[in-house]
């Protein structure tokens, strides 16, 4: 499974979210490749899950994959819940 975190410039906020996602994945026992990129580069990635803040997430639906829209990039509880839901959707999709 591949997860791509996207922000406007592909630097600070996406890297912070990537680090939090890696902690969450370890906590829930899920193995995934996690990377971060700017919005322009995201279209070249093939990811199962795309993560971004609300302003970025609305632009990710055309790329493909499950989109996780974060209301607050430092709210790790909400991030964890949304990530678990997206992982379950990907697993369900891959079964069919």
C-alpha atoms as a PDB file:
ATOM      1  CA  UNK A   1       0.000   0.000   0.000  1.00  0.00           C
ATOM      2  CA  UNK A   2       1.261   3.463  -0.886  1.00  0.00           C
ATOM      3  CA  UNK A   3       0.261   6.660   0.890  1.00  0.00           C
ATOM      4  CA  UNK A   4       1.140  10.083  -0.485  1.00  0.00           C
ATOM      5  CA  UNK A   5       0.880  13.225   1.630  1.00  0.00           C
ATOM      6  CA  UNK A   6       0.380  16.348  -0.471  1.00  0.00           C
ATOM      7  CA  UNK A   7       0.777  20.040   0.310  1.00  0.00           C
ATOM      8  CA  UNK A   8       1.237  23.187  -1.743  1.00  0.00           C
ATOM      9  CA  UNK A   9       5.028  23.186  -1.750  1.00  0.00           C
ATOM     10  CA  UNK A  10       5.803  19.591  -0.750  1.00  0.00           C
ATOM     11  CA  UNK A  11       7.967  20.651   2.156  1.00  0.00           C
ATOM     12  CA  UNK A  12       6.983  21.483   5.729  1.00  0.00           C
ATOM     13  CA  UNK A  13       3.380  20.528   6.305  1.00  0.00           C
ATOM     14  CA  UNK A  14       3.425  17.392   4.170  1.00  0.00           C
ATOM     15  CA  UNK A  15       6.591  16.190   5.906  1.00  0.00           C
ATOM     16  CA  UNK A  16       5.026  16.778   9.338  1.00  0.00           C
ATOM     17  CA  UNK A  17       1.896  14.854   8.317  1.00  0.00           C
ATOM     18  CA  UNK A  18       4.049  12.068   6.821  1.00  0.00           C
ATOM     19  CA  UNK A  19       5.887  11.625  10.127  1.00  0.00           C
ATOM     20  CA  UNK A  20       2.582  11.475  12.028  1.00  0.00           C
ATOM     21  CA  UNK A  21       1.160   8.935   9.572  1.00  0.00           C
ATOM     22  CA  UNK A  22       4.218   6.717  10.001  1.00  0.00           C
ATOM     23  CA  UNK A  23       3.688   6.776  13.783  1.00  0.00           C
ATOM     24  CA  UNK A  24      -0.001   5.945  13.350  1.00  0.00           C
ATOM     25  CA  UNK A  25       0.738   3.076  10.964  1.00  0.00           C
ATOM     26  CA  UNK A  26       3.223   1.599  13.417  1.00  0.00           C
ATOM     27  CA  UNK A  27       0.675   1.958  16.220  1.00  0.00           C
ATOM     28  CA  UNK A  28      -2.070   0.157  14.277  1.00  0.00           C
ATOM     29  CA  UNK A  29       0.268  -2.453  12.803  1.00  0.00           C
ATOM     30  CA  UNK A  30      -0.105  -1.535   9.140  1.00  0.00           C
ATOM     31  CA  UNK A  31       2.801  -1.603   6.707  1.00  0.00           C
ATOM     32  CA  UNK A  32       2.748   1.013   3.971  1.00  0.00           C
ATOM     33  CA  UNK A  33       5.111   3.112   1.921  1.00  0.00           C
ATOM     34  CA  UNK A  34       4.613   6.778   2.865  1.00  0.00           C
ATOM     35  CA  UNK A  35       5.958   9.712   0.881  1.00  0.00           C
ATOM     36  CA  UNK A  36       5.220  13.422   0.500  1.00  0.00           C
ATOM     37  CA  UNK A  37       5.039  15.727  -2.496  1.00  0.00           C
ATOM     38  CA  UNK A  38       3.804  19.070  -3.737  1.00  0.00           C
ATOM     39  CA  UNK A  39       0.459  19.288  -5.477  1.00  0.00           C
ATOM     40  CA  UNK A  40       1.966  19.573  -8.963  1.00  0.00           C
ATOM     41  CA  UNK A  41       4.093  16.441  -8.531  1.00  0.00           C
ATOM     42  CA  UNK A  42       1.306  14.390  -6.943  1.00  0.00           C
ATOM     43  CA  UNK A  43      -0.237  13.632 -10.315  1.00  0.00           C
ATOM     44  CA  UNK A  44       2.835  11.595 -11.243  1.00  0.00           C
ATOM     45  CA  UNK A  45       2.535   9.311  -8.213  1.00  0.00           C
ATOM     46  CA  UNK A  46       0.536   6.114  -8.077  1.00  0.00           C
ATOM     47  CA  UNK A  47      -0.802   6.007  -4.517  1.00  0.00           C
ATOM     48  CA  UNK A  48      -3.598   4.050  -2.866  1.00  0.00           C
ATOM     49  CA  UNK A  49      -4.280   6.871  -0.401  1.00  0.00           C
ATOM     50  CA  UNK A  50      -3.734  10.605  -0.886  1.00  0.00           C
ATOM     51  CA  UNK A  51      -3.660  12.794   2.219  1.00  0.00           C
ATOM     52  CA  UNK A  52      -3.893  16.563   2.430  1.00  0.00           C
ATOM     53  CA  UNK A  53      -5.448  19.405   4.332  1.00  0.00           C
ATOM     54  CA  UNK A  54      -8.949  20.423   3.224  1.00  0.00           C
ATOM     55  CA  UNK A  55      -7.726  23.094   0.798  1.00  0.00           C
ATOM     56  CA  UNK A  56      -5.425  20.609  -0.930  1.00  0.00           C
ATOM     57  CA  UNK A  57      -7.617  17.500  -0.635  1.00  0.00           C
ATOM     58  CA  UNK A  58     -10.354  18.921  -2.857  1.00  0.00           C
ATOM     59  CA  UNK A  59      -7.789  18.980  -5.663  1.00  0.00           C
ATOM     60  CA  UNK A  60      -6.751  15.342  -5.154  1.00  0.00           C
ATOM     61  CA  UNK A  61      -9.959  13.570  -6.190  1.00  0.00           C
ATOM     62  CA  UNK A  62      -9.026  13.707  -9.891  1.00  0.00           C
ATOM     63  CA  UNK A  63      -5.727  11.899  -9.281  1.00  0.00           C
ATOM     64  CA  UNK A  64      -7.238   8.585  -8.151  1.00  0.00           C
ATOM     65  CA  UNK A  65      -7.011   6.638  -4.939  1.00  0.00           C
ATOM     66  CA  UNK A  66      -8.734   7.242  -1.632  1.00  0.00           C
ATOM     67  CA  UNK A  67      -8.540  10.844  -0.459  1.00  0.00           C
ATOM     68  CA  UNK A  68      -8.131  11.748   3.208  1.00  0.00           C
ATOM     69  CA  UNK A  69      -9.056  15.355   3.912  1.00  0.00           C
ATOM     70  CA  UNK A  70      -7.622  16.687   7.177  1.00  0.00           C
ATOM     71  CA  UNK A  71      -9.383  19.500   9.003  1.00  0.00           C
ATOM     72  CA  UNK A  72      -6.354  20.027  11.244  1.00  0.00           C
ATOM     73  CA  UNK A  73      -2.909  18.711  10.370  1.00  0.00           C
ATOM     74  CA  UNK A  74      -1.832  18.356  14.007  1.00  0.00           C
ATOM     75  CA  UNK A  75      -4.972  16.550  15.238  1.00  0.00           C
ATOM     76  CA  UNK A  76      -3.510  13.038  15.226  1.00  0.00           C
ATOM     77  CA  UNK A  77      -6.662  11.421  16.658  1.00  0.00           C
ATOM     78  CA  UNK A  78      -8.757  12.630  13.727  1.00  0.00           C
ATOM     79  CA  UNK A  79      -5.931  11.770  11.322  1.00  0.00           C
ATOM     80  CA  UNK A  80      -5.777   8.235  12.733  1.00  0.00           C
ATOM     81  CA  UNK A  81      -9.536   7.697  12.395  1.00  0.00           C
ATOM     82  CA  UNK A  82      -9.648   8.999   8.823  1.00  0.00           C
ATOM     83  CA  UNK A  83      -6.582   6.983   7.861  1.00  0.00           C
ATOM     84  CA  UNK A  84      -8.048   3.758   9.279  1.00  0.00           C
ATOM     85  CA  UNK A  85     -11.254   4.360   7.298  1.00  0.00           C
ATOM     86  CA  UNK A  86      -9.281   4.942   4.091  1.00  0.00           C
ATOM     87  CA  UNK A  87      -7.162   1.822   4.669  1.00  0.00           C
ATOM     88  CA  UNK A  88     -10.324  -0.254   5.121  1.00  0.00           C
ATOM     89  CA  UNK A  89     -11.779   1.155   1.881  1.00  0.00           C
ATOM     90  CA  UNK A  90      -8.570   0.277   0.016  1.00  0.00           C
ATOM     91  CA  UNK A  91      -8.551  -3.251   1.466  1.00  0.00           C
ATOM     92  CA  UNK A  92     -12.214  -3.719   0.523  1.00  0.00           C
ATOM     93  CA  UNK A  93     -11.589  -2.393  -2.989  1.00  0.00           C
ATOM     94  CA  UNK A  94      -8.616  -4.730  -3.453  1.00  0.00           C
ATOM     95  CA  UNK A  95     -10.704  -7.760  -2.418  1.00  0.00           C
ATOM     96  CA  UNK A  96     -13.151  -7.169  -5.254  1.00  0.00           C
END
